[in-house]
Amino acid sequence: MSDTINDILDSSSLDQLNTLIRRAQEEIERKKVDEIQMTRHRWIEEARNFGMSPEEVLQYSGRRKGRPKYRNPADPDQTWTGRGKMPSWLKNASDPEAYRIPE
């Protein structure tokens, strides 16, 4: 810090320092909002440069989902690709191969 700032801090009362802290925190929050807005506008412009809407960018993960290899007969919406942690409905099955989706 510069000597001027140190001089101001040294010569300020407790109330003045608390006011300074409050105002500094308000300014930090204002600058954060400004930065977020600028980033948001740049991001939208970049999406448009790719011919995409911001919503399309959010949906794009860059990775393909694996094809499901197992399906829960009790709830057909529940599937497992064979990667990652085995779901409890398959782990608790007496014959997990019976849950395999035919290729």
N, C-alpha and C. Protein backbone atom coordinates (compact mmCIF):
# COMPACT_ATOMS: atom_id res chain seq x y z
N MET A 1 0.85 -1.19 0.00
CA MET A 1 0.00 0.00 0.00
C MET A 1 0.88 1.24 0.00
N SER A 2 0.31 2.26 -0.54
CA SER A 2 1.09 3.51 -0.57
C SER A 2 1.06 4.17 0.80
N ASP A 3 2.00 5.09 1.00
CA ASP A 3 2.05 5.83 2.27
C ASP A 3 0.78 6.62 2.50
N THR A 4 0.17 7.14 1.43
CA THR A 4 -1.05 7.94 1.56
C THR A 4 -2.18 7.10 2.16
N ILE A 5 -2.35 5.90 1.67
CA ILE A 5 -3.40 5.02 2.20
C ILE A 5 -3.11 4.68 3.66
N ASN A 6 -1.86 4.38 3.96
CA ASN A 6 -1.49 4.08 5.35
C ASN A 6 -1.75 5.28 6.25
N ASP A 7 -1.43 6.48 5.77
CA ASP A 7 -1.67 7.70 6.55
C ASP A 7 -3.16 7.88 6.83
N ILE A 8 -3.99 7.65 5.80
CA ILE A 8 -5.44 7.77 5.98
C ILE A 8 -5.94 6.75 7.00
N LEU A 9 -5.47 5.52 6.87
CA LEU A 9 -5.91 4.48 7.81
C LEU A 9 -5.47 4.81 9.24
N ASP A 10 -4.23 5.27 9.39
CA ASP A 10 -3.71 5.59 10.72
C ASP A 10 -4.46 6.75 11.37
N SER A 11 -4.90 7.70 10.56
CA SER A 11 -5.54 8.90 11.13
C SER A 11 -7.07 8.78 11.24
N SER A 12 -7.64 7.65 10.81
CA SER A 12 -9.10 7.49 10.83
C SER A 12 -9.59 6.95 12.15
N SER A 13 -10.80 7.37 12.51
CA SER A 13 -11.44 6.84 13.73
C SER A 13 -12.03 5.47 13.42
N LEU A 14 -12.44 4.78 14.46
CA LEU A 14 -13.05 3.46 14.30
C LEU A 14 -14.31 3.55 13.44
N ASP A 15 -15.15 4.56 13.69
CA ASP A 15 -16.37 4.74 12.88
C ASP A 15 -16.02 4.99 11.41
N GLN A 16 -15.00 5.80 11.18
CA GLN A 16 -14.59 6.08 9.80
C GLN A 16 -14.07 4.82 9.11
N LEU A 17 -13.31 4.01 9.86
CA LEU A 17 -12.79 2.77 9.29
C LEU A 17 -13.93 1.79 8.97
N ASN A 18 -14.91 1.69 9.88
CA ASN A 18 -16.06 0.82 9.62
C ASN A 18 -16.84 1.28 8.40
N THR A 19 -17.00 2.59 8.25
CA THR A 19 -17.68 3.14 7.07
C THR A 19 -16.88 2.83 5.82
N LEU A 20 -15.57 2.97 5.91
CA LEU A 20 -14.70 2.66 4.78
C LEU A 20 -14.83 1.19 4.37
N ILE A 21 -14.84 0.31 5.37
CA ILE A 21 -14.97 -1.12 5.10
C ILE A 21 -16.31 -1.41 4.41
N ARG A 22 -17.40 -0.83 4.95
CA ARG A 22 -18.73 -1.05 4.38
C ARG A 22 -18.77 -0.56 2.93
N ARG A 23 -18.25 0.63 2.69
CA ARG A 23 -18.26 1.19 1.33
C ARG A 23 -17.38 0.36 0.39
N ALA A 24 -16.26 -0.12 0.91
CA ALA A 24 -15.37 -0.95 0.08
C ALA A 24 -16.07 -2.26 -0.29
N GLN A 25 -16.79 -2.87 0.68
CA GLN A 25 -17.51 -4.10 0.39
C GLN A 25 -18.62 -3.87 -0.63
N GLU A 26 -19.32 -2.74 -0.53
CA GLU A 26 -20.35 -2.40 -1.51
C GLU A 26 -19.74 -2.23 -2.89
N GLU A 27 -18.59 -1.59 -2.95
CA GLU A 27 -17.91 -1.37 -4.23
C GLU A 27 -17.44 -2.69 -4.83
N ILE A 28 -16.95 -3.58 -3.98
CA ILE A 28 -16.52 -4.91 -4.45
C ILE A 28 -17.71 -5.64 -5.07
N GLU A 29 -18.86 -5.62 -4.40
CA GLU A 29 -20.05 -6.29 -4.93
C GLU A 29 -20.49 -5.66 -6.25
N ARG A 30 -20.45 -4.33 -6.34
CA ARG A 30 -20.83 -3.65 -7.57
C ARG A 30 -19.91 -4.06 -8.72
N LYS A 31 -18.62 -4.11 -8.43
CA LYS A 31 -17.65 -4.49 -9.46
C LYS A 31 -17.84 -5.95 -9.88
N LYS A 32 -18.18 -6.82 -8.93
CA LYS A 32 -18.45 -8.23 -9.28
C LYS A 32 -19.63 -8.32 -10.24
N VAL A 33 -20.70 -7.58 -9.94
CA VAL A 33 -21.88 -7.59 -10.81
C VAL A 33 -21.51 -7.08 -12.19
N ASP A 34 -20.75 -5.99 -12.25
CA ASP A 34 -20.32 -5.45 -13.55
C ASP A 34 -19.49 -6.48 -14.32
N GLU A 35 -18.58 -7.14 -13.64
CA GLU A 35 -17.73 -8.14 -14.28
C GLU A 35 -18.55 -9.31 -14.80
N ILE A 36 -19.51 -9.76 -14.01
CA ILE A 36 -20.38 -10.86 -14.44
C ILE A 36 -21.18 -10.46 -15.67
N GLN A 37 -21.72 -9.24 -15.67
CA GLN A 37 -22.49 -8.77 -16.82
C GLN A 37 -21.62 -8.69 -18.08
N MET A 38 -20.40 -8.17 -17.95
CA MET A 38 -19.50 -8.09 -19.10
C MET A 38 -19.15 -9.48 -19.62
N THR A 39 -18.89 -10.40 -18.69
CA THR A 39 -18.56 -11.77 -19.07
C THR A 39 -19.75 -12.42 -19.77
N ARG A 40 -20.93 -12.18 -19.24
CA ARG A 40 -22.16 -12.74 -19.83
C ARG A 40 -22.33 -12.23 -21.25
N HIS A 41 -22.15 -10.94 -21.49
CA HIS A 41 -22.29 -10.39 -22.84
C HIS A 41 -21.25 -10.97 -23.80
N ARG A 42 -20.01 -11.12 -23.33
CA ARG A 42 -18.97 -11.72 -24.18
C ARG A 42 -19.32 -13.16 -24.52
N TRP A 43 -19.82 -13.88 -23.53
CA TRP A 43 -20.17 -15.29 -23.70
C TRP A 43 -21.30 -15.44 -24.72
N ILE A 44 -22.32 -14.58 -24.63
CA ILE A 44 -23.44 -14.62 -25.59
C ILE A 44 -22.93 -14.31 -27.00
N GLU A 45 -22.04 -13.34 -27.11
CA GLU A 45 -21.47 -12.98 -28.41
C GLU A 45 -20.67 -14.15 -28.99
N GLU A 46 -19.89 -14.82 -28.16
CA GLU A 46 -19.12 -15.99 -28.62
C GLU A 46 -20.05 -17.10 -29.09
N ALA A 47 -21.14 -17.33 -28.37
CA ALA A 47 -22.12 -18.35 -28.78
C ALA A 47 -22.67 -18.00 -30.16
N ARG A 48 -23.01 -16.74 -30.37
CA ARG A 48 -23.54 -16.29 -31.67
C ARG A 48 -22.50 -16.48 -32.78
N ASN A 49 -21.22 -16.25 -32.46
CA ASN A 49 -20.16 -16.45 -33.45
C ASN A 49 -20.10 -17.89 -33.93
N PHE A 50 -20.52 -18.83 -33.08
CA PHE A 50 -20.56 -20.24 -33.45
C PHE A 50 -21.92 -20.63 -34.02
N GLY A 51 -22.81 -19.65 -34.16
CA GLY A 51 -24.14 -19.94 -34.69
C GLY A 51 -25.02 -20.67 -33.70
N MET A 52 -24.75 -20.49 -32.42
CA MET A 52 -25.50 -21.19 -31.38
C MET A 52 -26.15 -20.18 -30.45
N SER A 53 -27.25 -20.62 -29.84
CA SER A 53 -27.86 -19.81 -28.79
C SER A 53 -27.16 -20.14 -27.48
N PRO A 54 -27.25 -19.27 -26.49
CA PRO A 54 -26.66 -19.60 -25.18
C PRO A 54 -27.22 -20.90 -24.60
N GLU A 55 -28.50 -21.16 -24.85
CA GLU A 55 -29.12 -22.39 -24.34
C GLU A 55 -28.47 -23.62 -24.98
N GLU A 56 -28.18 -23.54 -26.28
CA GLU A 56 -27.53 -24.66 -26.96
C GLU A 56 -26.14 -24.90 -26.41
N VAL A 57 -25.42 -23.84 -26.10
CA VAL A 57 -24.08 -23.98 -25.54
C VAL A 57 -24.15 -24.69 -24.19
N LEU A 58 -25.13 -24.32 -23.37
CA LEU A 58 -25.26 -24.94 -22.06
C LEU A 58 -25.57 -26.43 -22.16
N GLN A 59 -26.29 -26.83 -23.20
CA GLN A 59 -26.65 -28.24 -23.36
C GLN A 59 -25.50 -29.07 -23.91
N TYR A 60 -24.55 -28.43 -24.58
CA TYR A 60 -23.45 -29.14 -25.21
C TYR A 60 -22.39 -29.48 -24.18
N SER A 61 -22.10 -30.77 -24.03
CA SER A 61 -21.11 -31.17 -23.04
C SER A 61 -19.76 -31.50 -23.67
N GLY A 62 -19.75 -31.75 -24.98
CA GLY A 62 -18.50 -32.11 -25.63
C GLY A 62 -18.18 -33.59 -25.50
N ARG A 63 -18.89 -34.28 -24.65
CA ARG A 63 -18.69 -35.72 -24.48
C ARG A 63 -19.97 -36.43 -24.88
N ARG A 64 -19.81 -37.54 -25.52
CA ARG A 64 -20.98 -38.34 -25.86
C ARG A 64 -21.35 -39.20 -24.67
N LYS A 65 -22.65 -39.37 -24.50
CA LYS A 65 -23.10 -40.27 -23.45
C LYS A 65 -22.92 -41.69 -23.94
N GLY A 66 -22.55 -42.57 -23.02
CA GLY A 66 -22.43 -43.97 -23.38
C GLY A 66 -23.81 -44.58 -23.60
N ARG A 67 -23.85 -45.57 -24.45
CA ARG A 67 -25.12 -46.24 -24.71
C ARG A 67 -25.45 -47.15 -23.53
N PRO A 68 -26.70 -47.15 -23.07
CA PRO A 68 -27.05 -48.00 -21.93
C PRO A 68 -26.88 -49.48 -22.27
N LYS A 69 -26.37 -50.23 -21.31
CA LYS A 69 -26.19 -51.67 -21.48
C LYS A 69 -27.11 -52.47 -20.57
N TYR A 70 -27.62 -51.82 -19.53
CA TYR A 70 -28.51 -52.49 -18.58
C TYR A 70 -29.74 -51.61 -18.35
N ARG A 71 -30.90 -52.25 -18.15
CA ARG A 71 -32.14 -51.51 -17.89
C ARG A 71 -32.85 -52.15 -16.70
N ASN A 72 -33.39 -51.31 -15.82
CA ASN A 72 -34.14 -51.77 -14.66
C ASN A 72 -35.55 -52.14 -15.12
N PRO A 73 -35.94 -53.42 -15.02
CA PRO A 73 -37.29 -53.80 -15.46
C PRO A 73 -38.39 -53.16 -14.62
N ALA A 74 -38.11 -52.83 -13.38
CA ALA A 74 -39.10 -52.20 -12.51
C ALA A 74 -39.31 -50.73 -12.88
N ASP A 75 -38.29 -50.10 -13.48
CA ASP A 75 -38.38 -48.70 -13.91
C ASP A 75 -37.53 -48.56 -15.17
N PRO A 76 -38.14 -48.73 -16.35
CA PRO A 76 -37.38 -48.71 -17.60
C PRO A 76 -36.61 -47.42 -17.87
N ASP A 77 -36.94 -46.34 -17.17
CA ASP A 77 -36.18 -45.10 -17.34
C ASP A 77 -34.80 -45.18 -16.69
N GLN A 78 -34.61 -46.13 -15.79
CA GLN A 78 -33.31 -46.29 -15.12
C GLN A 78 -32.45 -47.24 -15.95
N THR A 79 -31.32 -46.69 -16.42
CA THR A 79 -30.38 -47.49 -17.20
C THR A 79 -28.97 -47.29 -16.65
N TRP A 80 -28.07 -48.16 -17.10
CA TRP A 80 -26.67 -48.04 -16.71
C TRP A 80 -25.82 -48.40 -17.91
N THR A 81 -24.78 -47.63 -18.17
CA THR A 81 -23.91 -47.85 -19.33
C THR A 81 -22.84 -48.90 -19.08
N GLY A 82 -22.68 -49.31 -17.85
CA GLY A 82 -21.61 -50.24 -17.52
C GLY A 82 -20.36 -49.50 -17.05
N ARG A 83 -20.44 -48.16 -17.03
CA ARG A 83 -19.32 -47.34 -16.56
C ARG A 83 -19.71 -46.69 -15.24
N GLY A 84 -18.74 -46.45 -14.43
CA GLY A 84 -19.01 -45.78 -13.16
C GLY A 84 -19.58 -46.74 -12.13
N LYS A 85 -20.12 -46.17 -11.08
CA LYS A 85 -20.64 -46.95 -9.97
C LYS A 85 -21.89 -47.71 -10.39
N MET A 86 -21.93 -48.99 -10.07
CA MET A 86 -23.08 -49.82 -10.40
C MET A 86 -24.28 -49.39 -9.55
N PRO A 87 -25.44 -49.16 -10.18
CA PRO A 87 -26.62 -48.74 -9.41
C PRO A 87 -27.11 -49.86 -8.50
N SER A 88 -27.76 -49.47 -7.43
CA SER A 88 -28.21 -50.45 -6.43
C SER A 88 -29.20 -51.44 -7.01
N TRP A 89 -30.06 -51.01 -7.94
CA TRP A 89 -31.04 -51.93 -8.51
C TRP A 89 -30.37 -53.06 -9.27
N LEU A 90 -29.19 -52.82 -9.82
CA LEU A 90 -28.45 -53.87 -10.52
C LEU A 90 -27.55 -54.64 -9.55
N LYS A 91 -26.98 -53.93 -8.60
CA LYS A 91 -26.12 -54.57 -7.61
C LYS A 91 -26.89 -55.60 -6.79
N ASN A 92 -28.15 -55.28 -6.49
CA ASN A 92 -28.99 -56.17 -5.67
C ASN A 92 -29.67 -57.26 -6.47
N ALA A 93 -29.50 -57.26 -7.78
CA ALA A 93 -30.15 -58.26 -8.63
C ALA A 93 -29.49 -59.62 -8.45
N SER A 94 -30.31 -60.69 -8.45
CA SER A 94 -29.74 -62.03 -8.32
C SER A 94 -29.01 -62.44 -9.59
N ASP A 95 -29.48 -61.96 -10.75
CA ASP A 95 -28.83 -62.26 -12.03
C ASP A 95 -28.70 -60.98 -12.84
N PRO A 96 -27.62 -60.21 -12.64
CA PRO A 96 -27.46 -58.94 -13.35
C PRO A 96 -27.51 -59.07 -14.87
N GLU A 97 -27.08 -60.21 -15.41
CA GLU A 97 -27.09 -60.39 -16.87
C GLU A 97 -28.50 -60.41 -17.43
N ALA A 98 -29.48 -60.73 -16.59
CA ALA A 98 -30.88 -60.71 -17.03
C ALA A 98 -31.34 -59.29 -17.33
N TYR A 99 -30.63 -58.31 -16.82
CA TYR A 99 -30.97 -56.90 -17.00
C TYR A 99 -30.28 -56.30 -18.23
N ARG A 100 -29.40 -57.09 -18.86
CA ARG A 100 -28.64 -56.57 -20.00
C ARG A 100 -29.58 -56.29 -21.17
N ILE A 101 -29.36 -55.16 -21.83
CA ILE A 101 -30.15 -54.78 -23.00
C ILE A 101 -29.55 -55.50 -24.21
N PRO A 102 -30.38 -56.23 -24.95
CA PRO A 102 -29.83 -56.93 -26.13
C PRO A 102 -29.30 -55.92 -27.15
N GLU A 103 -28.20 -56.28 -27.79
CA GLU A 103 -27.60 -55.36 -28.77
C GLU A 103 -28.18 -55.54 -30.13
